[in-house]
Amino acid sequence: MTEAHSDVVPGHRRTSKQGETARRKHLPLRPIWLCRTCGQPWPCGRAKLDLLAEYEGSRVGLCLYLATLLCDAIDDLHKLNPGTTGSGAGLFDRFLGWPRVPHPPAPNDHDDPIQEGEAGS
């Protein structure tokens, strides 16, 4: 673990609409991975909104960042209490289940782009 990750993941700087530098306030409290501001499991709702705004146009970057934090959270929570860490699936959904872009529905096999009247022409 790096020095920067010793007790809190530092907030990324971004430019606000007024041109001022803003800092995320809903950061994880490590090693318990609750929000420092609202006490909800991190990433809390506000942290998700802030991260989406910060990584706008870079969904892959956001997912890589969250994957790194997921690994840190698994390590931290396992060290705290190996018996109650929870399922890996639950932590995966918490960190990486929300930023996915919905895909358009796949066409059905019976959906034919050629109209019936055009098939015999």
PDB file of N, CA and C in Angstrom:
ATOM      1  N   MET A   1       0.851  -1.181   0.000  1.00  0.00           N
ATOM      2  CA  MET A   1       0.000   0.000   0.000  1.00  0.00           C
ATOM      3  C   MET A   1       0.892   1.237   0.000  1.00  0.00           C
ATOM      4  N   THR A   2       0.508   2.224  -0.781  1.00  0.00           N
ATOM      5  CA  THR A   2       1.320   3.437  -0.886  1.00  0.00           C
ATOM      6  C   THR A   2       1.018   4.389   0.256  1.00  0.00           C
ATOM      7  N   GLU A   3       1.898   5.357   0.435  1.00  0.00           N
ATOM      8  CA  GLU A   3       1.678   6.366   1.480  1.00  0.00           C
ATOM      9  C   GLU A   3       0.369   7.103   1.274  1.00  0.00           C
ATOM     10  N   ALA A   4       0.035   7.396   0.024  1.00  0.00           N
ATOM     11  CA  ALA A   4      -1.196   8.141  -0.263  1.00  0.00           C
ATOM     12  C   ALA A   4      -2.432   7.364   0.153  1.00  0.00           C
ATOM     13  N   HIS A   5      -2.322   6.037   0.208  1.00  0.00           N
ATOM     14  CA  HIS A   5      -3.460   5.205   0.570  1.00  0.00           C
ATOM     15  C   HIS A   5      -3.411   4.756   2.027  1.00  0.00           C
ATOM     16  N   SER A   6      -2.572   5.338   2.846  1.00  0.00           N
ATOM     17  CA  SER A   6      -2.385   4.849   4.207  1.00  0.00           C
ATOM     18  C   SER A   6      -3.637   4.947   5.066  1.00  0.00           C
ATOM     19  N   ASP A   7      -4.424   6.030   4.979  1.00  0.00           N
ATOM     20  CA  ASP A   7      -5.637   6.074   5.789  1.00  0.00           C
ATOM     21  C   ASP A   7      -6.837   6.636   5.036  1.00  0.00           C
ATOM     22  N   VAL A   8      -6.623   7.296   3.918  1.00  0.00           N
ATOM     23  CA  VAL A   8      -7.730   7.833   3.141  1.00  0.00           C
ATOM     24  C   VAL A   8      -7.276   7.970   1.700  1.00  0.00           C
ATOM     25  N   VAL A   9      -8.192   7.757   0.793  1.00  0.00           N
ATOM     26  CA  VAL A   9      -7.875   7.979  -0.607  1.00  0.00           C
ATOM     27  C   VAL A   9      -8.024   9.464  -0.858  1.00  0.00           C
ATOM     28  N   PRO A  10      -6.975  10.147  -1.293  1.00  0.00           N
ATOM     29  CA  PRO A  10      -7.072  11.588  -1.483  1.00  0.00           C
ATOM     30  C   PRO A  10      -8.065  11.926  -2.581  1.00  0.00           C
ATOM     31  N   GLY A  11      -8.751  13.050  -2.419  1.00  0.00           N
ATOM     32  CA  GLY A  11      -9.708  13.488  -3.424  1.00  0.00           C
ATOM     33  C   GLY A  11      -8.984  14.011  -4.650  1.00  0.00           C
ATOM     34  N   HIS A  12      -9.586  13.780  -5.780  1.00  0.00           N
ATOM     35  CA  HIS A  12      -9.029  14.309  -7.013  1.00  0.00           C
ATOM     36  C   HIS A  12      -9.502  15.737  -7.166  1.00  0.00           C
ATOM     37  N   ARG A  13      -8.646  16.568  -7.722  1.00  0.00           N
ATOM     38  CA  ARG A  13      -9.026  17.954  -7.966  1.00  0.00           C
ATOM     39  C   ARG A  13      -9.729  18.053  -9.304  1.00  0.00           C
ATOM     40  N   ARG A  14     -10.746  18.876  -9.358  1.00  0.00           N
ATOM     41  CA  ARG A  14     -11.421  19.160 -10.613  1.00  0.00           C
ATOM     42  C   ARG A  14     -11.832  20.615 -10.609  1.00  0.00           C
ATOM     43  N   THR A  15     -12.099  21.150 -11.758  1.00  0.00           N
ATOM     44  CA  THR A  15     -12.491  22.543 -11.872  1.00  0.00           C
ATOM     45  C   THR A  15     -13.996  22.637 -11.787  1.00  0.00           C
ATOM     46  N   SER A  16     -14.496  23.507 -10.921  1.00  0.00           N
ATOM     47  CA  SER A  16     -15.938  23.695 -10.789  1.00  0.00           C
ATOM     48  C   SER A  16     -16.425  24.617 -11.892  1.00  0.00           C
ATOM     49  N   LYS A  17     -17.726  24.800 -11.981  1.00  0.00           N
ATOM     50  CA  LYS A  17     -18.315  25.639 -13.019  1.00  0.00           C
ATOM     51  C   LYS A  17     -17.827  27.078 -12.928  1.00  0.00           C
ATOM     52  N   GLN A  18     -17.488  27.542 -11.749  1.00  0.00           N
ATOM     53  CA  GLN A  18     -17.027  28.907 -11.572  1.00  0.00           C
ATOM     54  C   GLN A  18     -15.531  29.030 -11.844  1.00  0.00           C
ATOM     55  N   GLY A  19     -14.880  27.946 -12.244  1.00  0.00           N
ATOM     56  CA  GLY A  19     -13.455  27.993 -12.527  1.00  0.00           C
ATOM     57  C   GLY A  19     -12.595  27.787 -11.293  1.00  0.00           C
ATOM     58  N   GLU A  20     -13.213  27.579 -10.145  1.00  0.00           N
ATOM     59  CA  GLU A  20     -12.456  27.347  -8.925  1.00  0.00           C
ATOM     60  C   GLU A  20     -12.146  25.861  -8.806  1.00  0.00           C
ATOM     61  N   THR A  21     -11.099  25.550  -8.084  1.00  0.00           N
ATOM     62  CA  THR A  21     -10.772  24.157  -7.853  1.00  0.00           C
ATOM     63  C   THR A  21     -11.626  23.642  -6.708  1.00  0.00           C
ATOM     64  N   ALA A  22     -12.319  22.537  -6.966  1.00  0.00           N
ATOM     65  CA  ALA A  22     -13.180  21.931  -5.951  1.00  0.00           C
ATOM     66  C   ALA A  22     -12.565  20.611  -5.514  1.00  0.00           C
ATOM     67  N   ARG A  23     -12.897  20.173  -4.329  1.00  0.00           N
ATOM     68  CA  ARG A  23     -12.422  18.907  -3.796  1.00  0.00           C
ATOM     69  C   ARG A  23     -13.601  18.097  -3.326  1.00  0.00           C
ATOM     70  N   ARG A  24     -13.564  16.809  -3.634  1.00  0.00           N
ATOM     71  CA  ARG A  24     -14.632  15.931  -3.163  1.00  0.00           C
ATOM     72  C   ARG A  24     -14.627  15.895  -1.644  1.00  0.00           C
ATOM     73  N   LYS A  25     -15.803  15.915  -1.049  1.00  0.00           N
ATOM     74  CA  LYS A  25     -15.915  15.866   0.408  1.00  0.00           C
ATOM     75  C   LYS A  25     -16.365  14.502   0.899  1.00  0.00           C
ATOM     76  N   HIS A  26     -17.010  13.733   0.056  1.00  0.00           N
ATOM     77  CA  HIS A  26     -17.503  12.415   0.452  1.00  0.00           C
ATOM     78  C   HIS A  26     -16.450  11.369   0.119  1.00  0.00           C
ATOM     79  N   LEU A  27     -15.466  11.275   0.995  1.00  0.00           N
ATOM     80  CA  LEU A  27     -14.338  10.367   0.836  1.00  0.00           C
ATOM     81  C   LEU A  27     -14.473   9.194   1.798  1.00  0.00           C
ATOM     82  N   PRO A  28     -13.821   8.071   1.484  1.00  0.00           N
ATOM     83  CA  PRO A  28     -13.912   6.908   2.367  1.00  0.00           C
ATOM     84  C   PRO A  28     -13.070   7.068   3.629  1.00  0.00           C
ATOM     85  N   LEU A  29     -13.618   6.610   4.713  1.00  0.00           N
ATOM     86  CA  LEU A  29     -12.885   6.513   5.975  1.00  0.00           C
ATOM     87  C   LEU A  29     -12.316   5.105   6.027  1.00  0.00           C
ATOM     88  N   ARG A  30     -11.002   5.050   5.931  1.00  0.00           N
ATOM     89  CA  ARG A  30     -10.353   3.753   5.936  1.00  0.00           C
ATOM     90  C   ARG A  30      -9.877   3.412   7.336  1.00  0.00           C
ATOM     91  N   PRO A  31      -9.938   2.201   7.730  1.00  0.00           N
ATOM     92  CA  PRO A  31     -10.125   0.977   6.957  1.00  0.00           C
ATOM     93  C   PRO A  31     -11.567   0.457   6.920  1.00  0.00           C
ATOM     94  N   ILE A  32     -12.530   1.230   7.416  1.00  0.00           N
ATOM     95  CA  ILE A  32     -13.896   0.696   7.484  1.00  0.00           C
ATOM     96  C   ILE A  32     -14.726   0.995   6.246  1.00  0.00           C
ATOM     97  N   TRP A  33     -14.253   1.840   5.369  1.00  0.00           N
ATOM     98  CA  TRP A  33     -14.874   2.140   4.085  1.00  0.00           C
ATOM     99  C   TRP A  33     -16.303   2.659   4.219  1.00  0.00           C
ATOM    100  N   LEU A  34     -16.456   3.597   5.149  1.00  0.00           N
ATOM    101  CA  LEU A  34     -17.693   4.366   5.255  1.00  0.00           C
ATOM    102  C   LEU A  34     -17.363   5.788   4.836  1.00  0.00           C
ATOM    103  N   CYS A  35     -18.378   6.528   4.386  1.00  0.00           N
ATOM    104  CA  CYS A  35     -18.170   7.912   3.974  1.00  0.00           C
ATOM    105  C   CYS A  35     -17.821   8.762   5.189  1.00  0.00           C
ATOM    106  N   ARG A  36     -16.788   9.571   5.059  1.00  0.00           N
ATOM    107  CA  ARG A  36     -16.379  10.460   6.150  1.00  0.00           C
ATOM    108  C   ARG A  36     -17.426  11.521   6.452  1.00  0.00           C
ATOM    109  N   THR A  37     -18.244  11.888   5.468  1.00  0.00           N
ATOM    110  CA  THR A  37     -19.203  12.965   5.636  1.00  0.00           C
ATOM    111  C   THR A  37     -20.563  12.475   6.104  1.00  0.00           C
ATOM    112  N   CYS A  38     -21.094  11.435   5.450  1.00  0.00           N
ATOM    113  CA  CYS A  38     -22.468  11.010   5.764  1.00  0.00           C
ATOM    114  C   CYS A  38     -22.562   9.665   6.469  1.00  0.00           C
ATOM    115  N   GLY A  39     -21.460   8.923   6.578  1.00  0.00           N
ATOM    116  CA  GLY A  39     -21.457   7.666   7.301  1.00  0.00           C
ATOM    117  C   GLY A  39     -22.036   6.476   6.546  1.00  0.00           C
ATOM    118  N   GLN A  40     -22.433   6.668   5.298  1.00  0.00           N
ATOM    119  CA  GLN A  40     -22.963   5.570   4.489  1.00  0.00           C
ATOM    120  C   GLN A  40     -21.813   4.735   3.932  1.00  0.00           C
ATOM    121  N   PRO A  41     -22.099   3.483   3.534  1.00  0.00           N
ATOM    122  CA  PRO A  41     -21.042   2.705   2.880  1.00  0.00           C
ATOM    123  C   PRO A  41     -20.526   3.462   1.658  1.00  0.00           C
ATOM    124  N   TRP A  42     -19.199   3.529   1.554  1.00  0.00           N
ATOM    125  CA  TRP A  42     -18.598   4.267   0.454  1.00  0.00           C
ATOM    126  C   TRP A  42     -18.402   3.357  -0.740  1.00  0.00           C
ATOM    127  N   PRO A  43     -18.675   3.803  -1.954  1.00  0.00           N
ATOM    128  CA  PRO A  43     -19.073   5.148  -2.335  1.00  0.00           C
ATOM    129  C   PRO A  43     -20.557   5.394  -2.068  1.00  0.00           C
ATOM    130  N   CYS A  44     -20.820   6.451  -1.349  1.00  0.00           N
ATOM    131  CA  CYS A  44     -22.200   6.847  -1.042  1.00  0.00           C
ATOM    132  C   CYS A  44     -22.799   7.509  -2.284  1.00  0.00           C
ATOM    133  N   GLY A  45     -24.056   7.851  -2.226  1.00  0.00           N
ATOM    134  CA  GLY A  45     -24.724   8.462  -3.369  1.00  0.00           C
ATOM    135  C   GLY A  45     -24.046   9.730  -3.852  1.00  0.00           C
ATOM    136  N   ARG A  46     -23.664  10.594  -2.918  1.00  0.00           N
ATOM    137  CA  ARG A  46     -23.017  11.855  -3.308  1.00  0.00           C
ATOM    138  C   ARG A  46     -21.638  11.600  -3.902  1.00  0.00           C
ATOM    139  N   ALA A  47     -20.897  10.642  -3.352  1.00  0.00           N
ATOM    140  CA  ALA A  47     -19.580  10.311  -3.895  1.00  0.00           C
ATOM    141  C   ALA A  47     -19.713   9.797  -5.325  1.00  0.00           C
ATOM    142  N   LYS A  48     -20.746   9.010  -5.586  1.00  0.00           N
ATOM    143  CA  LYS A  48     -20.972   8.498  -6.941  1.00  0.00           C
ATOM    144  C   LYS A  48     -21.227   9.648  -7.916  1.00  0.00           C
ATOM    145  N   LEU A  49     -22.068  10.589  -7.499  1.00  0.00           N
ATOM    146  CA  LEU A  49     -22.341  11.743  -8.359  1.00  0.00           C
ATOM    147  C   LEU A  49     -21.073  12.549  -8.619  1.00  0.00           C
ATOM    148  N   ASP A  50     -20.285  12.776  -7.571  1.00  0.00           N
ATOM    149  CA  ASP A  50     -19.039  13.524  -7.716  1.00  0.00           C
ATOM    150  C   ASP A  50     -18.066  12.792  -8.643  1.00  0.00           C
ATOM    151  N   LEU A  51     -17.964  11.473  -8.491  1.00  0.00           N
ATOM    152  CA  LEU A  51     -17.057  10.699  -9.330  1.00  0.00           C
ATOM    153  C   LEU A  51     -17.506  10.697 -10.788  1.00  0.00           C
ATOM    154  N   LEU A  52     -18.806  10.582 -11.024  1.00  0.00           N
ATOM    155  CA  LEU A  52     -19.311  10.634 -12.397  1.00  0.00           C
ATOM    156  C   LEU A  52     -18.982  11.977 -13.043  1.00  0.00           C
ATOM    157  N   ALA A  53     -19.128  13.054 -12.286  1.00  0.00           N
ATOM    158  CA  ALA A  53     -18.809  14.382 -12.817  1.00  0.00           C
ATOM    159  C   ALA A  53     -17.305  14.519 -13.056  1.00  0.00           C
ATOM    160  N   GLU A  54     -16.523  14.016 -12.137  1.00  0.00           N
ATOM    161  CA  GLU A  54     -15.076  14.139 -12.241  1.00  0.00           C
ATOM    162  C   GLU A  54     -14.514  13.329 -13.402  1.00  0.00           C
ATOM    163  N   TYR A  55     -15.063  12.163 -13.639  1.00  0.00           N
ATOM    164  CA  TYR A  55     -14.576  11.276 -14.693  1.00  0.00           C
ATOM    165  C   TYR A  55     -15.457  11.329 -15.939  1.00  0.00           C
ATOM    166  N   GLU A  56     -16.205  12.401 -16.106  1.00  0.00           N
ATOM    167  CA  GLU A  56     -17.073  12.529 -17.273  1.00  0.00           C
ATOM    168  C   GLU A  56     -16.262  12.356 -18.552  1.00  0.00           C
ATOM    169  N   GLY A  57     -16.736  11.484 -19.419  1.00  0.00           N
ATOM    170  CA  GLY A  57     -16.028  11.218 -20.659  1.00  0.00           C
ATOM    171  C   GLY A  57     -14.936  10.178 -20.523  1.00  0.00           C
ATOM    172  N   SER A  58     -14.734   9.642 -19.336  1.00  0.00           N
ATOM    173  CA  SER A  58     -13.707   8.623 -19.122  1.00  0.00           C
ATOM    174  C   SER A  58     -14.239   7.530 -18.215  1.00  0.00           C
ATOM    175  N   ARG A  59     -15.226   6.793 -18.709  1.00  0.00           N
ATOM    176  CA  ARG A  59     -15.829   5.715 -17.919  1.00  0.00           C
ATOM    177  C   ARG A  59     -14.791   4.641 -17.590  1.00  0.00           C
ATOM    178  N   VAL A  60     -13.867   4.371 -18.520  1.00  0.00           N
ATOM    179  CA  VAL A  60     -12.827   3.379 -18.270  1.00  0.00           C
ATOM    180  C   VAL A  60     -11.926   3.848 -17.135  1.00  0.00           C
ATOM    181  N   GLY A  61     -11.545   5.124 -17.137  1.00  0.00           N
ATOM    182  CA  GLY A  61     -10.723   5.662 -16.056  1.00  0.00           C
ATOM    183  C   GLY A  61     -11.413   5.547 -14.712  1.00  0.00           C
ATOM    184  N   LEU A  62     -12.720   5.842 -14.689  1.00  0.00           N
ATOM    185  CA  LEU A  62     -13.493   5.717 -13.450  1.00  0.00           C
ATOM    186  C   LEU A  62     -13.491   4.277 -12.968  1.00  0.00           C
ATOM    187  N   CYS A  63     -13.712   3.332 -13.868  1.00  0.00           N
ATOM    188  CA  CYS A  63     -13.752   1.925 -13.477  1.00  0.00           C
ATOM    189  C   CYS A  63     -12.394   1.430 -12.993  1.00  0.00           C
ATOM    190  N   LEU A  64     -11.321   1.881 -13.623  1.00  0.00           N
ATOM    191  CA  LEU A  64      -9.980   1.505 -13.160  1.00  0.00           C
ATOM    192  C   LEU A  64      -9.708   2.058 -11.767  1.00  0.00           C
ATOM    193  N   TYR A  65     -10.093   3.308 -11.546  1.00  0.00           N
ATOM    194  CA  TYR A  65      -9.924   3.924 -10.229  1.00  0.00           C
ATOM    195  C   TYR A  65     -10.706   3.146  -9.168  1.00  0.00           C
ATOM    196  N   LEU A  66     -11.965   2.840  -9.470  1.00  0.00           N
ATOM    197  CA  LEU A  66     -12.804   2.120  -8.510  1.00  0.00           C
ATOM    198  C   LEU A  66     -12.312   0.689  -8.280  1.00  0.00           C
ATOM    199  N   ALA A  67     -11.767   0.055  -9.318  1.00  0.00           N
ATOM    200  CA  ALA A  67     -11.228  -1.293  -9.161  1.00  0.00           C
ATOM    201  C   ALA A  67     -10.035  -1.299  -8.209  1.00  0.00           C
ATOM    202  N   THR A  68      -9.206  -0.266  -8.310  1.00  0.00           N
ATOM    203  CA  THR A  68      -8.072  -0.140  -7.395  1.00  0.00           C
ATOM    204  C   THR A  68      -8.562   0.014  -5.956  1.00  0.00           C
ATOM    205  N   LEU A  69      -9.584   0.852  -5.772  1.00  0.00           N
ATOM    206  CA  LEU A  69     -10.126   1.051  -4.427  1.00  0.00           C
ATOM    207  C   LEU A  69     -10.821  -0.200  -3.919  1.00  0.00           C
ATOM    208  N   LEU A  70     -11.449  -0.958  -4.804  1.00  0.00           N
ATOM    209  CA  LEU A  70     -12.081  -2.215  -4.410  1.00  0.00           C
ATOM    210  C   LEU A  70     -11.040  -3.166  -3.832  1.00  0.00           C
ATOM    211  N   CYS A  71      -9.895  -3.273  -4.484  1.00  0.00           N
ATOM    212  CA  CYS A  71      -8.825  -4.138  -3.969  1.00  0.00           C
ATOM    213  C   CYS A  71      -8.363  -3.669  -2.590  1.00  0.00           C
ATOM    214  N   ASP A  72      -8.208  -2.363  -2.423  1.00  0.00           N
ATOM    215  CA  ASP A  72      -7.818  -1.822  -1.118  1.00  0.00           C
ATOM    216  C   ASP A  72      -8.883  -2.110  -0.063  1.00  0.00           C
ATOM    217  N   ALA A  73     -10.153  -1.962  -0.435  1.00  0.00           N
ATOM    218  CA  ALA A  73     -11.240  -2.202   0.517  1.00  0.00           C
ATOM    219  C   ALA A  73     -11.280  -3.661   0.943  1.00  0.00           C
ATOM    220  N   ILE A  74     -11.105  -4.570   0.001  1.00  0.00           N
ATOM    221  CA  ILE A  74     -11.097  -5.999   0.345  1.00  0.00           C
ATOM    222  C   ILE A  74      -9.983  -6.288   1.330  1.00  0.00           C
ATOM    223  N   ASP A  75      -8.792  -5.753   1.070  1.00  0.00           N
ATOM    224  CA  ASP A  75      -7.656  -5.965   1.980  1.00  0.00           C
ATOM    225  C   ASP A  75      -7.946  -5.375   3.358  1.00  0.00           C
ATOM    226  N   ASP A  76      -8.402  -4.126   3.398  1.00  0.00           N
ATOM    227  CA  ASP A  76      -8.665  -3.457   4.671  1.00  0.00           C
ATOM    228  C   ASP A  76      -9.728  -4.189   5.484  1.00  0.00           C
ATOM    229  N   LEU A  77     -10.836  -4.502   4.844  1.00  0.00           N
ATOM    230  CA  LEU A  77     -11.946  -5.129   5.564  1.00  0.00           C
ATOM    231  C   LEU A  77     -11.596  -6.538   6.019  1.00  0.00           C
ATOM    232  N   HIS A  78     -10.804  -7.242   5.226  1.00  0.00           N
ATOM    233  CA  HIS A  78     -10.386  -8.587   5.630  1.00  0.00           C
ATOM    234  C   HIS A  78      -9.445  -8.525   6.836  1.00  0.00           C
ATOM    235  N   LYS A  79      -8.565  -7.526   6.865  1.00  0.00           N
ATOM    236  CA  LYS A  79      -7.655  -7.374   8.001  1.00  0.00           C
ATOM    237  C   LYS A  79      -8.411  -7.012   9.269  1.00  0.00           C
ATOM    238  N   LEU A  80      -9.465  -6.218   9.139  1.00  0.00           N
ATOM    239  CA  LEU A  80     -10.258  -5.833  10.313  1.00  0.00           C
ATOM    240  C   LEU A  80     -10.956  -7.020  10.935  1.00  0.00           C
ATOM    241  N   ASN A  81     -11.608  -7.810  10.092  1.00  0.00           N
ATOM    242  CA  ASN A  81     -12.354  -8.954  10.602  1.00  0.00           C
ATOM    243  C   ASN A  81     -12.563  -9.952   9.474  1.00  0.00           C
ATOM    244  N   PRO A  82     -11.676 -10.924   9.365  1.00  0.00           N
ATOM    245  CA  PRO A  82     -11.748 -11.870   8.250  1.00  0.00           C
ATOM    246  C   PRO A  82     -13.073 -12.624   8.150  1.00  0.00           C
ATOM    247  N   GLY A  83     -13.753 -12.819   9.264  1.00  0.00           N
ATOM    248  CA  GLY A  83     -15.002 -13.589   9.253  1.00  0.00           C
ATOM    249  C   GLY A  83     -16.211 -12.818   8.770  1.00  0.00           C
ATOM    250  N   THR A  84     -16.133 -11.483   8.766  1.00  0.00           N
ATOM    251  CA  THR A  84     -17.318 -10.696   8.392  1.00  0.00           C
ATOM    252  C   THR A  84     -17.050  -9.738   7.235  1.00  0.00           C
ATOM    253  N   THR A  85     -16.063 -10.047   6.420  1.00  0.00           N
ATOM    254  CA  THR A  85     -15.744  -9.173   5.297  1.00  0.00           C
ATOM    255  C   THR A  85     -16.915  -9.052   4.338  1.00  0.00           C
ATOM    256  N   GLY A  86     -17.709 -10.068   4.215  1.00  0.00           N
ATOM    257  CA  GLY A  86     -18.822 -10.052   3.275  1.00  0.00           C
ATOM    258  C   GLY A  86     -18.420 -10.732   1.985  1.00  0.00           C
ATOM    259  N   SER A  87     -19.371 -10.860   1.123  1.00  0.00           N
ATOM    260  CA  SER A  87     -19.088 -11.555  -0.126  1.00  0.00           C
ATOM    261  C   SER A  87     -18.331 -10.638  -1.074  1.00  0.00           C
ATOM    262  N   GLY A  88     -17.495 -11.248  -1.879  1.00  0.00           N
ATOM    263  CA  GLY A  88     -16.792 -10.491  -2.897  1.00  0.00           C
ATOM    264  C   GLY A  88     -17.762  -9.878  -3.894  1.00  0.00           C
ATOM    265  N   ALA A  89     -18.860 -10.597  -4.157  1.00  0.00           N
ATOM    266  CA  ALA A  89     -19.867 -10.090  -5.097  1.00  0.00           C
ATOM    267  C   ALA A  89     -20.509  -8.817  -4.556  1.00  0.00           C
ATOM    268  N   GLY A  90     -20.772  -8.775  -3.267  1.00  0.00           N
ATOM    269  CA  GLY A  90     -21.369  -7.588  -2.661  1.00  0.00           C
ATOM    270  C   GLY A  90     -20.453  -6.376  -2.762  1.00  0.00           C
ATOM    271  N   LEU A  91     -19.170  -6.582  -2.488  1.00  0.00           N
ATOM    272  CA  LEU A  91     -18.216  -5.480  -2.600  1.00  0.00           C
ATOM    273  C   LEU A  91     -18.018  -5.072  -4.060  1.00  0.00           C
ATOM    274  N   PHE A  92     -18.006  -6.055  -4.954  1.00  0.00           N
ATOM    275  CA  PHE A  92     -17.876  -5.734  -6.377  1.00  0.00           C
ATOM    276  C   PHE A  92     -19.041  -4.849  -6.823  1.00  0.00           C
ATOM    277  N   ASP A  93     -20.262  -5.235  -6.451  1.00  0.00           N
ATOM    278  CA  ASP A  93     -21.433  -4.430  -6.823  1.00  0.00           C
ATOM    279  C   ASP A  93     -21.364  -3.035  -6.220  1.00  0.00           C
ATOM    280  N   ARG A  94     -20.906  -2.951  -4.983  1.00  0.00           N
ATOM    281  CA  ARG A  94     -20.811  -1.659  -4.290  1.00  0.00           C
ATOM    282  C   ARG A  94     -19.852  -0.706  -4.992  1.00  0.00           C
ATOM    283  N   PHE A  95     -18.708  -1.232  -5.455  1.00  0.00           N
ATOM    284  CA  PHE A  95     -17.697  -0.378  -6.065  1.00  0.00           C
ATOM    285  C   PHE A  95     -17.827  -0.270  -7.582  1.00  0.00           C
ATOM    286  N   LEU A  96     -18.188  -1.355  -8.239  1.00  0.00           N
ATOM    287  CA  LEU A  96     -18.154  -1.359  -9.703  1.00  0.00           C
ATOM    288  C   LEU A  96     -19.489  -1.653 -10.363  1.00  0.00           C
ATOM    289  N   GLY A  97     -20.513  -1.928  -9.586  1.00  0.00           N
ATOM    290  CA  GLY A  97     -21.800  -2.255 -10.170  1.00  0.00           C
ATOM    291  C   GLY A  97     -22.586  -1.058 -10.653  1.00  0.00           C
ATOM    292  N   TRP A  98     -22.297   0.114 -10.166  1.00  0.00           N
ATOM    293  CA  TRP A  98     -23.105   1.289 -10.495  1.00  0.00           C
ATOM    294  C   TRP A  98     -22.629   2.108 -11.691  1.00  0.00           C
ATOM    295  N   PRO A  99     -21.336   2.140 -12.065  1.00  0.00           N
ATOM    296  CA  PRO A  99     -20.976   3.042 -13.160  1.00  0.00           C
ATOM    297  C   PRO A  99     -21.140   2.442 -14.555  1.00  0.00           C
ATOM    298  N   ARG A 100     -21.696   1.234 -14.654  1.00  0.00           N
ATOM    299  CA  ARG A 100     -21.843   0.597 -15.956  1.00  0.00           C
ATOM    300  C   ARG A 100     -22.815   1.364 -16.838  1.00  0.00           C
ATOM    301  N   VAL A 101     -22.505   1.425 -18.109  1.00  0.00           N
ATOM    302  CA  VAL A 101     -23.377   2.060 -19.085  1.00  0.00           C
ATOM    303  C   VAL A 101     -24.367   1.004 -19.561  1.00  0.00           C
ATOM    304  N   PRO A 102     -25.667   1.310 -19.515  1.00  0.00           N
ATOM    305  CA  PRO A 102     -26.623   0.309 -19.993  1.00  0.00           C
ATOM    306  C   PRO A 102     -26.466   0.099 -21.500  1.00  0.00           C
ATOM    307  N   HIS A 103     -26.535  -1.155 -21.901  1.00  0.00           N
ATOM    308  CA  HIS A 103     -26.427  -1.498 -23.313  1.00  0.00           C
ATOM    309  C   HIS A 103     -27.817  -1.560 -23.927  1.00  0.00           C
ATOM    310  N   PRO A 104     -27.938  -1.209 -25.213  1.00  0.00           N
ATOM    311  CA  PRO A 104     -29.247  -1.337 -25.850  1.00  0.00           C
ATOM    312  C   PRO A 104     -29.635  -2.811 -25.915  1.00  0.00           C
ATOM    313  N   PRO A 105     -30.918  -3.105 -25.884  1.00  0.00           N
ATOM    314  CA  PRO A 105     -31.328  -4.508 -25.906  1.00  0.00           C
ATOM    315  C   PRO A 105     -30.899  -5.167 -27.215  1.00  0.00           C
ATOM    316  N   ALA A 106     -30.496  -6.424 -27.112  1.00  0.00           N
ATOM    317  CA  ALA A 106     -30.092  -7.180 -28.295  1.00  0.00           C
ATOM    318  C   ALA A 106     -31.341  -7.518 -29.108  1.00  0.00           C
ATOM    319  N   PRO A 107     -31.228  -7.510 -30.427  1.00  0.00           N
ATOM    320  CA  PRO A 107     -32.396  -7.847 -31.241  1.00  0.00           C
ATOM    321  C   PRO A 107     -32.778  -9.308 -31.045  1.00  0.00           C
ATOM    322  N   ASN A 108     -34.055  -9.575 -31.099  1.00  0.00           N
ATOM    323  CA  ASN A 108     -34.545 -10.946 -30.994  1.00  0.00           C
ATOM    324  C   ASN A 108     -34.262 -11.674 -32.301  1.00  0.00           C
ATOM    325  N   ASP A 109     -34.159 -12.994 -32.248  1.00  0.00           N
ATOM    326  CA  ASP A 109     -33.920 -13.786 -33.449  1.00  0.00           C
ATOM    327  C   ASP A 109     -35.042 -13.620 -34.465  1.00  0.00           C
ATOM    328  N   HIS A 110     -36.255 -13.406 -33.981  1.00  0.00           N
ATOM    329  CA  HIS A 110     -37.389 -13.300 -34.891  1.00  0.00           C
ATOM    330  C   HIS A 110     -37.593 -11.882 -35.422  1.00  0.00           C
ATOM    331  N   ASP A 111     -36.793 -10.915 -34.967  1.00  0.00           N
ATOM    332  CA  ASP A 111     -36.881  -9.552 -35.490  1.00  0.00           C
ATOM    333  C   ASP A 111     -36.097  -9.486 -36.795  1.00  0.00           C
ATOM    334  N   ASP A 112     -36.805  -9.486 -37.919  1.00  0.00           N
ATOM    335  CA  ASP A 112     -36.171  -9.461 -39.238  1.00  0.00           C
ATOM    336  C   ASP A 112     -36.255  -8.059 -39.778  1.00  0.00           C
ATOM    337  N   PRO A 113     -35.112  -7.452 -40.154  1.00  0.00           N
ATOM    338  CA  PRO A 113     -35.160  -6.085 -40.652  1.00  0.00           C
ATOM    339  C   PRO A 113     -35.866  -5.961 -42.012  1.00  0.00           C
ATOM    340  N   ILE A 114     -35.984  -7.077 -42.737  1.00  0.00           N
ATOM    341  CA  ILE A 114     -36.660  -7.045 -44.033  1.00  0.00           C
ATOM    342  C   ILE A 114     -38.146  -7.233 -43.802  1.00  0.00           C
ATOM    343  N   GLN A 115     -38.950  -6.343 -44.313  1.00  0.00           N
ATOM    344  CA  GLN A 115     -40.400  -6.440 -44.167  1.00  0.00           C
ATOM    345  C   GLN A 115     -40.913  -7.635 -44.964  1.00  0.00           C
ATOM    346  N   GLU A 116     -42.020  -8.208 -44.512  1.00  0.00           N
ATOM    347  CA  GLU A 116     -42.568  -9.381 -45.173  1.00  0.00           C
ATOM    348  C   GLU A 116     -42.845  -9.139 -46.639  1.00  0.00           C
ATOM    349  N   GLY A 117     -43.358  -7.974 -46.997  1.00  0.00           N
ATOM    350  CA  GLY A 117     -43.700  -7.683 -48.383  1.00  0.00           C
ATOM    351  C   GLY A 117     -42.480  -7.538 -49.280  1.00  0.00           C
ATOM    352  N   GLU A 118     -41.325  -7.220 -48.700  1.00  0.00           N
ATOM    353  CA  GLU A 118     -40.116  -7.007 -49.465  1.00  0.00           C
ATOM    354  C   GLU A 118     -39.347  -8.307 -49.677  1.00  0.00           C
ATOM    355  N   ALA A 119     -39.642  -9.335 -48.889  1.00  0.00           N
ATOM    356  CA  ALA A 119     -38.873 -10.574 -48.951  1.00  0.00           C
ATOM    357  C   ALA A 119     -38.996 -11.278 -50.295  1.00  0.00           C
ATOM    358  N   GLY A 120     -40.174 -11.243 -50.931  1.00  0.00           N
ATOM    359  CA  GLY A 120     -40.355 -11.948 -52.176  1.00  0.00           C
ATOM    360  C   GLY A 120     -40.057 -11.103 -53.388  1.00  0.00           C
ATOM    361  N   SER A 121     -39.725  -9.861 -53.257  1.00  0.00           N
ATOM    362  CA  SER A 121     -39.518  -8.967 -54.402  1.00  0.00           C
ATOM    363  C   SER A 121     -38.235  -9.211 -55.104  1.00  0.00           C
TER     364      SER A 121
END
